[in-house]
Structure formats: C-alpha cells, structure tokens
Amino acid sequence: LHTFEHRHIVRATTFSKDDSKIFTAGHEGKIRIYDLKKPEAEPTICEDKRAKIQYLLTPSESLIVSSDDKEKMIKVWDTRTLKHVKSLETSGVIT
C-alpha cells in the first residue's frame, strides 16, 4: 500500500491500460502521472492552470482525456510531450 501526497483535493483518478501508472487531477489544474513501478519517484505533471479538472480517461498509453466541471470542453493531452494537444467543444457541461 502506498500513499501519493497531494496539496489539493483529488477529483479524478484513472489507471493506464497496463496498470503501470495512475493519473490524478483536481481543481489546481495539474494531471499527475505516477509510475506504480517506482512509487517513491516524483510524478510527471501536465498542467493547465485555468482548468479545474473533474474527469480523466486514458484511451491509450500516450493520451489523457480531461474535462473541467464548468467548461463545455474535453481536452486531450499527449503523455509523451506533457502538452495539451486538442480541445473538443461540447454542447453541454460534461458530467
């Protein structure tokens, strides 16, 4: 059992497809990527300071999909570059 420390409330979590990583996010706008093979290591971080991330999904090893609880938008992140690569507008808030 391992505890991953956060300074803010975690609102979303998901595992990678191979269960080797865990992704966490919240209202601070950071997606933290923890390597479960090296739990003591610092996480890799994707950051969007304006986002209040509420939902996460990992459709592949190289992509993270996130959604804010207020925006009508889905964001796609590339885990290889740690950059936001695409935004998809929706007709309503994602729940």
Protein backbone atom coordinates (compact mmCIF):
# COMPACT_ATOMS: atom_id res chain seq x y z
CA LEU A 1 0.00 0.00 0.00
CA HIS A 2 1.33 3.43 -0.93
CA THR A 3 0.05 6.97 -0.38
CA PHE A 4 0.58 9.63 -3.04
CA GLU A 5 0.66 13.05 -1.40
CA HIS A 6 -1.34 15.96 -2.88
CA ARG A 7 -1.72 19.55 -1.72
CA HIS A 8 -5.27 19.80 -3.04
CA ILE A 9 -8.31 17.55 -3.18
CA VAL A 10 -8.06 14.88 -5.88
CA ARG A 11 -11.22 14.99 -8.03
CA ALA A 12 -10.31 12.41 -10.68
CA THR A 13 -8.19 9.27 -10.98
CA THR A 14 -7.63 6.62 -13.59
CA PHE A 15 -5.12 3.87 -14.35
CA SER A 16 -3.15 3.30 -17.54
CA LYS A 17 -4.31 0.42 -19.73
CA ASP A 18 -1.43 -1.77 -18.49
CA ASP A 19 -1.95 -0.71 -14.83
CA SER A 20 1.62 0.57 -14.57
CA LYS A 21 0.62 4.21 -13.94
CA ILE A 22 -2.03 6.09 -12.02
CA PHE A 23 -3.24 9.54 -13.11
CA THR A 24 -4.68 12.02 -10.62
CA ALA A 25 -6.12 15.51 -11.09
CA GLY A 26 -8.20 18.19 -9.42
CA HIS A 27 -9.05 21.87 -9.28
CA GLU A 28 -5.42 23.01 -9.26
CA GLY A 29 -5.22 22.18 -12.98
CA LYS A 30 -2.48 19.55 -12.76
CA ILE A 31 -2.61 15.99 -14.02
CA ARG A 32 -0.07 13.96 -12.07
CA ILE A 33 1.26 10.74 -13.60
CA TYR A 34 2.67 8.31 -11.03
CA ASP A 35 4.76 5.31 -12.08
CA LEU A 36 3.49 2.42 -9.95
CA LYS A 37 6.76 0.53 -10.53
CA LYS A 38 8.57 3.43 -8.80
CA PRO A 39 6.01 4.80 -6.32
CA GLU A 40 8.63 6.83 -4.42
CA ALA A 41 9.53 8.82 -7.56
CA GLU A 42 8.12 12.30 -8.18
CA PRO A 43 5.17 12.34 -10.59
CA THR A 44 5.30 13.66 -14.12
CA ILE A 45 2.93 16.64 -14.47
CA CYS A 46 0.71 18.02 -17.24
CA GLU A 47 -0.56 21.45 -16.27
CA ASP A 48 -3.33 23.84 -17.24
CA LYS A 49 -3.63 26.47 -14.50
CA ARG A 50 -7.06 27.60 -15.73
CA ALA A 51 -8.59 24.12 -15.56
CA LYS A 52 -10.49 22.62 -12.65
CA ILE A 53 -10.24 19.01 -13.75
CA GLN A 54 -13.10 16.79 -12.70
CA TYR A 55 -12.84 13.78 -15.05
CA LEU A 56 -9.98 11.73 -16.52
CA LEU A 57 -9.83 8.93 -19.07
CA THR A 58 -6.83 7.14 -20.63
CA PRO A 59 -7.86 5.71 -24.01
CA SER A 60 -4.24 4.83 -24.90
CA GLU A 61 -0.75 4.81 -23.40
CA SER A 62 0.09 8.18 -24.96
CA LEU A 63 -3.16 10.11 -24.40
CA ILE A 64 -5.11 11.51 -21.46
CA VAL A 65 -8.58 12.96 -21.86
CA SER A 66 -9.70 15.51 -19.25
CA SER A 67 -12.74 17.61 -18.60
CA ASP A 68 -13.43 20.59 -16.39
CA ASP A 69 -16.56 20.67 -14.27
CA LYS A 70 -17.57 24.10 -15.67
CA GLU A 71 -16.30 24.20 -19.27
CA LYS A 72 -18.14 22.75 -22.22
CA MET A 73 -14.93 21.20 -23.46
CA ILE A 74 -12.92 18.00 -23.48
CA LYS A 75 -9.14 18.34 -23.55
CA VAL A 76 -6.69 15.80 -24.94
CA TRP A 77 -3.15 15.58 -23.55
CA ASP A 78 -0.10 13.81 -25.01
CA THR A 79 1.76 12.00 -22.23
CA ARG A 80 4.96 11.87 -24.32
CA THR A 81 5.24 15.66 -24.52
CA LEU A 82 3.07 16.52 -21.45
CA LYS A 83 1.26 19.06 -23.62
CA HIS A 84 -2.39 19.81 -24.25
CA VAL A 85 -2.83 18.88 -27.93
CA LYS A 86 -6.51 19.27 -28.71
CA SER A 87 -9.76 20.71 -27.38
CA LEU A 88 -13.18 19.44 -28.35
CA GLU A 89 -16.17 21.66 -27.64
CA THR A 90 -19.37 20.02 -26.40
CA SER A 91 -22.94 21.22 -26.33
CA GLY A 92 -23.11 20.91 -22.56
CA VAL A 93 -21.07 20.52 -19.42
CA ILE A 94 -19.52 17.04 -19.06
CA THR A 95 -20.92 15.04 -16.14
